[in-house]
N, C-alpha and C. Protein backbone atom coordinates (compact mmCIF):
# COMPACT_ATOMS: atom_id res chain seq x y z
N UNK A 1 -12.16 -3.09 48.35
CA UNK A 1 -12.22 -2.36 49.60
C UNK A 1 -11.36 -3.09 50.63
N UNK A 2 -10.60 -2.33 51.32
CA UNK A 2 -9.70 -2.94 52.28
C UNK A 2 -10.23 -2.86 53.70
N UNK A 3 -10.68 -1.69 54.14
CA UNK A 3 -11.10 -1.51 55.52
C UNK A 3 -12.32 -0.60 55.57
N UNK A 4 -13.48 -1.17 55.30
CA UNK A 4 -14.72 -0.40 55.26
C UNK A 4 -15.16 -0.09 56.69
N UNK A 5 -15.41 1.20 56.94
CA UNK A 5 -15.83 1.66 58.26
C UNK A 5 -17.12 2.46 58.14
N UNK A 6 -17.92 2.42 59.20
CA UNK A 6 -19.11 3.25 59.32
C UNK A 6 -18.79 4.26 60.41
N UNK A 7 -18.98 5.55 60.09
CA UNK A 7 -18.65 6.61 61.03
C UNK A 7 -19.85 7.51 61.26
N UNK A 8 -20.04 7.89 62.51
CA UNK A 8 -21.05 8.89 62.87
C UNK A 8 -20.29 10.19 63.11
N UNK A 9 -20.66 11.25 62.40
CA UNK A 9 -19.96 12.52 62.49
C UNK A 9 -20.67 13.47 63.45
N UNK A 10 -19.96 14.49 63.88
CA UNK A 10 -20.54 15.51 64.77
C UNK A 10 -21.77 16.16 64.14
N UNK A 11 -21.79 16.25 62.83
CA UNK A 11 -22.91 16.87 62.11
C UNK A 11 -24.18 16.02 62.15
N UNK A 12 -24.04 14.76 62.60
CA UNK A 12 -25.19 13.86 62.63
C UNK A 12 -25.21 12.91 61.45
N UNK A 13 -24.39 13.17 60.46
CA UNK A 13 -24.34 12.30 59.28
C UNK A 13 -23.64 10.99 59.62
N UNK A 14 -24.07 9.94 58.93
CA UNK A 14 -23.38 8.67 59.02
C UNK A 14 -22.79 8.38 57.65
N UNK A 15 -21.53 8.00 57.64
CA UNK A 15 -20.88 7.71 56.36
C UNK A 15 -20.30 6.30 56.38
N UNK A 16 -20.22 5.74 55.19
CA UNK A 16 -19.48 4.52 54.96
C UNK A 16 -18.31 4.90 54.09
N UNK A 17 -17.14 4.39 54.41
CA UNK A 17 -15.96 4.74 53.62
C UNK A 17 -14.91 3.65 53.75
N UNK A 18 -13.94 3.71 52.88
CA UNK A 18 -12.79 2.84 52.94
C UNK A 18 -11.70 3.62 53.68
N UNK A 19 -11.36 3.19 54.87
CA UNK A 19 -10.33 3.85 55.67
C UNK A 19 -8.96 3.39 55.15
N UNK A 20 -8.27 4.29 54.48
CA UNK A 20 -6.99 3.95 53.85
C UNK A 20 -5.86 4.01 54.88
N UNK A 21 -5.83 5.08 55.68
CA UNK A 21 -4.73 5.26 56.63
C UNK A 21 -5.13 6.34 57.64
N UNK A 22 -4.35 6.44 58.70
CA UNK A 22 -4.50 7.49 59.70
C UNK A 22 -3.23 8.33 59.65
N UNK A 23 -3.42 9.63 59.55
CA UNK A 23 -2.28 10.54 59.43
C UNK A 23 -2.18 11.40 60.68
N UNK A 24 -0.95 11.66 61.12
CA UNK A 24 -0.74 12.50 62.29
C UNK A 24 0.26 13.59 61.94
N UNK A 25 -0.07 14.84 62.29
CA UNK A 25 0.89 15.92 62.14
C UNK A 25 0.79 16.82 63.36
N UNK A 26 1.90 17.43 63.71
CA UNK A 26 1.94 18.32 64.88
C UNK A 26 0.97 19.49 64.73
N UNK A 27 0.88 20.02 63.50
CA UNK A 27 0.05 21.20 63.26
C UNK A 27 -1.44 20.87 63.23
N UNK A 28 -1.81 19.81 62.50
CA UNK A 28 -3.21 19.52 62.25
C UNK A 28 -3.79 18.42 63.13
N UNK A 29 -2.96 17.68 63.82
CA UNK A 29 -3.45 16.58 64.65
C UNK A 29 -3.72 15.35 63.81
N UNK A 30 -4.67 14.55 64.28
CA UNK A 30 -4.97 13.28 63.62
C UNK A 30 -6.03 13.48 62.54
N UNK A 31 -5.85 12.79 61.41
CA UNK A 31 -6.82 12.83 60.33
C UNK A 31 -6.91 11.45 59.69
N UNK A 32 -8.10 11.13 59.20
CA UNK A 32 -8.32 9.86 58.51
C UNK A 32 -8.21 10.09 57.00
N UNK A 33 -7.45 9.25 56.35
CA UNK A 33 -7.40 9.27 54.89
C UNK A 33 -8.43 8.24 54.43
N UNK A 34 -9.46 8.74 53.74
CA UNK A 34 -10.57 7.87 53.33
C UNK A 34 -10.82 8.01 51.83
N UNK A 35 -11.49 7.03 51.29
CA UNK A 35 -11.96 7.09 49.90
C UNK A 35 -13.30 6.36 49.83
N UNK A 36 -13.96 6.53 48.70
CA UNK A 36 -15.28 5.93 48.51
C UNK A 36 -16.20 6.27 49.68
N UNK A 37 -16.26 7.56 50.01
CA UNK A 37 -17.04 8.02 51.16
C UNK A 37 -18.46 8.38 50.71
N UNK A 38 -19.42 7.71 51.31
CA UNK A 38 -20.83 7.94 50.99
C UNK A 38 -21.64 8.09 52.26
N UNK A 39 -22.58 9.03 52.23
CA UNK A 39 -23.50 9.25 53.35
C UNK A 39 -24.59 8.19 53.28
N UNK A 40 -24.96 7.66 54.42
CA UNK A 40 -26.11 6.77 54.51
C UNK A 40 -27.35 7.63 54.73
N UNK A 41 -28.27 7.60 53.80
CA UNK A 41 -29.51 8.37 53.93
C UNK A 41 -30.63 7.38 54.22
N UNK A 42 -31.21 7.49 55.40
CA UNK A 42 -32.25 6.57 55.84
C UNK A 42 -33.63 7.09 55.44
N UNK A 43 -34.46 6.20 54.96
CA UNK A 43 -35.83 6.52 54.57
C UNK A 43 -36.77 5.52 55.24
N UNK A 44 -37.97 5.97 55.58
CA UNK A 44 -38.95 5.06 56.17
C UNK A 44 -40.24 5.12 55.38
N UNK A 45 -40.80 3.97 55.10
CA UNK A 45 -42.09 3.86 54.44
C UNK A 45 -43.07 3.34 55.49
N UNK A 46 -43.78 4.28 56.12
CA UNK A 46 -44.67 3.91 57.20
C UNK A 46 -45.87 3.10 56.71
N UNK A 47 -46.32 3.35 55.48
CA UNK A 47 -47.47 2.63 54.95
C UNK A 47 -47.16 1.14 54.78
N UNK A 48 -45.97 0.85 54.27
CA UNK A 48 -45.60 -0.55 54.05
C UNK A 48 -44.84 -1.14 55.24
N UNK A 49 -44.43 -0.28 56.16
CA UNK A 49 -43.80 -0.74 57.39
C UNK A 49 -42.37 -1.21 57.26
N UNK A 50 -41.56 -0.52 56.46
CA UNK A 50 -40.15 -0.88 56.41
C UNK A 50 -39.27 0.34 56.24
N UNK A 51 -37.99 0.15 56.54
CA UNK A 51 -36.99 1.21 56.44
C UNK A 51 -35.94 0.78 55.43
N UNK A 52 -35.45 1.74 54.69
CA UNK A 52 -34.37 1.47 53.74
C UNK A 52 -33.43 2.66 53.72
N UNK A 53 -32.28 2.47 53.11
CA UNK A 53 -31.32 3.56 53.03
C UNK A 53 -30.68 3.58 51.65
N UNK A 54 -30.16 4.75 51.32
CA UNK A 54 -29.46 4.92 50.05
C UNK A 54 -28.09 5.54 50.32
N UNK A 55 -27.24 5.47 49.33
CA UNK A 55 -25.91 6.05 49.43
C UNK A 55 -25.87 7.33 48.61
N UNK A 56 -25.28 8.36 49.17
CA UNK A 56 -25.07 9.64 48.49
C UNK A 56 -23.61 10.03 48.68
N UNK A 57 -23.01 10.71 47.71
CA UNK A 57 -21.62 11.13 47.89
C UNK A 57 -21.48 12.00 49.14
N UNK A 58 -20.41 11.77 49.88
CA UNK A 58 -20.15 12.53 51.11
C UNK A 58 -19.89 13.99 50.79
N UNK A 59 -19.13 14.24 49.73
CA UNK A 59 -18.89 15.62 49.29
C UNK A 59 -19.56 15.79 47.93
N UNK A 60 -20.18 16.94 47.75
CA UNK A 60 -20.91 17.22 46.52
C UNK A 60 -20.02 17.04 45.29
N UNK A 61 -20.55 16.34 44.31
CA UNK A 61 -19.90 16.11 43.01
C UNK A 61 -18.63 15.27 43.09
N UNK A 62 -18.41 14.55 44.18
CA UNK A 62 -17.29 13.62 44.26
C UNK A 62 -17.89 12.23 44.19
N UNK A 63 -18.10 11.76 42.98
CA UNK A 63 -18.73 10.46 42.76
C UNK A 63 -17.70 9.33 42.64
N UNK A 64 -16.50 9.68 42.20
CA UNK A 64 -15.47 8.68 41.93
C UNK A 64 -15.02 8.01 43.23
N UNK A 65 -15.20 6.69 43.35
CA UNK A 65 -14.82 6.00 44.59
C UNK A 65 -13.32 6.03 44.88
N UNK A 66 -12.50 6.30 43.90
CA UNK A 66 -11.06 6.32 44.14
C UNK A 66 -10.57 7.68 44.63
N UNK A 67 -11.45 8.66 44.66
CA UNK A 67 -11.09 10.00 45.12
C UNK A 67 -10.76 9.96 46.62
N UNK A 68 -9.59 10.46 46.98
CA UNK A 68 -9.13 10.39 48.37
C UNK A 68 -9.50 11.69 49.10
N UNK A 69 -9.97 11.53 50.34
CA UNK A 69 -10.34 12.66 51.19
C UNK A 69 -9.60 12.57 52.51
N UNK A 70 -9.40 13.70 53.14
CA UNK A 70 -8.79 13.77 54.46
C UNK A 70 -9.87 14.24 55.43
N UNK A 71 -10.21 13.42 56.42
CA UNK A 71 -11.27 13.72 57.38
C UNK A 71 -10.65 13.94 58.75
N UNK A 72 -10.88 15.10 59.33
CA UNK A 72 -10.38 15.41 60.66
C UNK A 72 -11.00 14.44 61.66
N UNK A 73 -10.18 13.76 62.42
CA UNK A 73 -10.70 12.76 63.35
C UNK A 73 -11.55 13.39 64.46
N UNK A 74 -11.38 14.68 64.72
CA UNK A 74 -12.19 15.36 65.73
C UNK A 74 -13.65 15.48 65.30
N UNK A 75 -13.93 15.30 64.02
CA UNK A 75 -15.29 15.38 63.51
C UNK A 75 -16.05 14.07 63.67
N UNK A 76 -15.36 13.02 64.12
CA UNK A 76 -15.96 11.69 64.22
C UNK A 76 -16.33 11.41 65.68
N UNK A 77 -17.61 11.08 65.90
CA UNK A 77 -18.09 10.73 67.23
C UNK A 77 -17.85 9.24 67.49
N UNK A 78 -18.14 8.43 66.48
CA UNK A 78 -18.10 6.99 66.66
C UNK A 78 -17.69 6.32 65.35
N UNK A 79 -16.95 5.22 65.46
CA UNK A 79 -16.56 4.47 64.26
C UNK A 79 -16.72 2.98 64.58
N UNK A 80 -17.24 2.23 63.59
CA UNK A 80 -17.44 0.81 63.78
C UNK A 80 -17.27 0.07 62.47
N UNK A 81 -17.17 -1.24 62.57
CA UNK A 81 -17.21 -2.09 61.39
C UNK A 81 -18.68 -2.33 61.06
N UNK A 82 -19.12 -1.97 59.85
CA UNK A 82 -20.54 -2.11 59.53
C UNK A 82 -20.95 -3.57 59.37
N UNK A 83 -22.24 -3.78 59.42
CA UNK A 83 -22.83 -5.09 59.21
C UNK A 83 -22.43 -5.63 57.84
N UNK A 84 -22.24 -6.93 57.72
CA UNK A 84 -21.80 -7.55 56.47
C UNK A 84 -22.76 -7.25 55.31
N UNK A 85 -24.05 -7.20 55.59
CA UNK A 85 -25.04 -6.89 54.55
C UNK A 85 -24.84 -5.48 54.01
N UNK A 86 -24.56 -4.54 54.90
CA UNK A 86 -24.34 -3.15 54.49
C UNK A 86 -23.07 -3.06 53.65
N UNK A 87 -22.02 -3.76 54.05
CA UNK A 87 -20.76 -3.75 53.29
C UNK A 87 -21.00 -4.32 51.89
N UNK A 88 -21.77 -5.40 51.81
CA UNK A 88 -22.07 -6.02 50.52
C UNK A 88 -22.82 -5.03 49.61
N UNK A 89 -23.81 -4.34 50.15
CA UNK A 89 -24.57 -3.37 49.37
C UNK A 89 -23.70 -2.18 48.96
N UNK A 90 -22.82 -1.76 49.85
CA UNK A 90 -21.89 -0.67 49.59
C UNK A 90 -20.96 -1.03 48.42
N UNK A 91 -20.39 -2.21 48.46
CA UNK A 91 -19.50 -2.67 47.39
C UNK A 91 -20.28 -2.82 46.09
N UNK A 92 -21.49 -3.33 46.18
CA UNK A 92 -22.37 -3.45 45.01
C UNK A 92 -22.62 -2.08 44.38
N UNK A 93 -22.90 -1.09 45.22
CA UNK A 93 -23.15 0.27 44.75
C UNK A 93 -21.94 0.81 44.00
N UNK A 94 -20.75 0.62 44.56
CA UNK A 94 -19.53 1.12 43.93
C UNK A 94 -19.26 0.41 42.61
N UNK A 95 -19.46 -0.90 42.57
CA UNK A 95 -19.26 -1.65 41.32
C UNK A 95 -20.25 -1.19 40.25
N UNK A 96 -21.50 -0.97 40.65
CA UNK A 96 -22.51 -0.48 39.70
C UNK A 96 -22.12 0.89 39.16
N UNK A 97 -21.65 1.76 40.05
CA UNK A 97 -21.22 3.10 39.62
C UNK A 97 -20.08 2.99 38.60
N UNK A 98 -19.08 2.17 38.90
CA UNK A 98 -17.94 2.02 37.99
C UNK A 98 -18.37 1.47 36.64
N UNK A 99 -19.28 0.51 36.64
CA UNK A 99 -19.79 -0.06 35.38
C UNK A 99 -20.51 1.02 34.57
N UNK A 100 -21.36 1.82 35.24
CA UNK A 100 -22.07 2.89 34.54
C UNK A 100 -21.10 3.93 33.97
N UNK A 101 -20.03 4.23 34.71
CA UNK A 101 -19.04 5.20 34.24
C UNK A 101 -18.33 4.68 32.99
N UNK A 102 -17.96 3.39 33.00
CA UNK A 102 -17.30 2.81 31.81
C UNK A 102 -18.22 2.88 30.60
N UNK A 103 -19.50 2.57 30.79
CA UNK A 103 -20.47 2.64 29.69
C UNK A 103 -20.63 4.07 29.20
N UNK A 104 -20.69 5.00 30.12
CA UNK A 104 -20.85 6.42 29.76
C UNK A 104 -19.64 6.91 28.97
N UNK A 105 -18.44 6.56 29.43
CA UNK A 105 -17.22 6.97 28.72
C UNK A 105 -17.19 6.39 27.32
N UNK A 106 -17.63 5.14 27.18
CA UNK A 106 -17.68 4.50 25.87
C UNK A 106 -18.66 5.24 24.96
N UNK A 107 -19.83 5.61 25.50
CA UNK A 107 -20.83 6.33 24.72
C UNK A 107 -20.31 7.72 24.33
N UNK A 108 -19.60 8.38 25.27
CA UNK A 108 -19.04 9.70 24.97
C UNK A 108 -18.03 9.61 23.84
N UNK A 109 -17.17 8.58 23.87
CA UNK A 109 -16.17 8.41 22.81
C UNK A 109 -16.85 8.16 21.47
N UNK A 110 -17.89 7.29 21.47
CA UNK A 110 -18.63 7.01 20.24
C UNK A 110 -19.27 8.28 19.70
N UNK A 111 -19.84 9.10 20.59
CA UNK A 111 -20.50 10.33 20.18
C UNK A 111 -19.49 11.29 19.55
N UNK A 112 -18.32 11.44 20.18
CA UNK A 112 -17.30 12.34 19.64
C UNK A 112 -16.78 11.86 18.28
N UNK A 113 -16.60 10.55 18.15
CA UNK A 113 -16.16 10.00 16.87
C UNK A 113 -17.22 10.23 15.80
N UNK A 114 -18.48 10.08 16.16
CA UNK A 114 -19.58 10.30 15.23
C UNK A 114 -19.63 11.77 14.79
N UNK A 115 -19.43 12.68 15.74
CA UNK A 115 -19.42 14.11 15.40
C UNK A 115 -18.26 14.43 14.46
N UNK A 116 -17.09 13.88 14.73
CA UNK A 116 -15.92 14.12 13.88
C UNK A 116 -16.16 13.60 12.48
N UNK A 117 -16.79 12.44 12.36
CA UNK A 117 -17.08 11.87 11.04
C UNK A 117 -18.08 12.74 10.29
N UNK A 118 -19.07 13.28 10.98
CA UNK A 118 -20.04 14.16 10.36
C UNK A 118 -19.39 15.46 9.90
N UNK A 119 -18.47 15.98 10.69
CA UNK A 119 -17.75 17.19 10.32
C UNK A 119 -16.94 16.99 9.04
N UNK A 120 -16.33 15.81 8.91
CA UNK A 120 -15.50 15.54 7.74
C UNK A 120 -16.32 15.48 6.46
N UNK A 121 -17.53 14.95 6.54
CA UNK A 121 -18.34 14.83 5.32
C UNK A 121 -19.23 16.05 5.07
N UNK A 122 -19.28 16.98 6.00
CA UNK A 122 -20.08 18.19 5.84
C UNK A 122 -19.29 19.20 5.00
N UNK A 123 -19.79 19.49 3.80
CA UNK A 123 -19.07 20.39 2.89
C UNK A 123 -19.29 21.87 3.21
N UNK A 124 -20.12 22.19 4.18
CA UNK A 124 -20.36 23.59 4.54
C UNK A 124 -19.35 24.10 5.55
N UNK A 125 -18.48 23.23 6.04
CA UNK A 125 -17.47 23.66 7.00
C UNK A 125 -16.22 24.09 6.24
N UNK A 126 -15.80 25.30 6.51
CA UNK A 126 -14.62 25.84 5.84
C UNK A 126 -13.39 25.50 6.70
N UNK A 127 -12.41 24.87 6.07
CA UNK A 127 -11.22 24.50 6.79
C UNK A 127 -10.16 25.56 6.55
N UNK A 128 -9.59 26.07 7.63
CA UNK A 128 -8.56 27.08 7.56
C UNK A 128 -7.20 26.46 7.78
N UNK A 129 -6.22 27.01 7.07
CA UNK A 129 -4.85 26.58 7.31
C UNK A 129 -4.33 27.35 8.50
N UNK A 130 -3.67 26.66 9.42
CA UNK A 130 -3.16 27.39 10.58
C UNK A 130 -2.08 28.37 10.17
N UNK A 131 -2.10 29.54 10.77
CA UNK A 131 -1.14 30.58 10.47
C UNK A 131 -0.24 30.76 11.70
N UNK A 132 1.05 30.57 11.52
CA UNK A 132 1.98 30.73 12.61
C UNK A 132 2.62 32.10 12.54
N UNK A 133 2.70 32.77 13.65
CA UNK A 133 3.31 34.10 13.70
C UNK A 133 4.62 34.05 14.41
């Protein structure tokens, strides 16, 4: 992560993201180029007397931290450098996600190889010769 920022949006959401660059165009105005954008979701446990938060993808189904987004700067009310503890947890979250993705991809490859091996030894599968027209 190069420049982790915490932003409060007009919608009331708070996000943590890696601010890659600021873009300016005559037509669209100023926009932030961000990646690894996650909403901070705050939870309170009144019985135990503490507050905690979790990270959720800023945009639905965009889990990959390297996915780049363009955020209109007019949607941002406030931007700050987050607390060091929050940055540490944010980076931890991203590293954990990447590790889980590598493991999942490895399992998917193993599963596909296993299926292919089963197909080869299954004598009930009829193999057709391709016909070119």
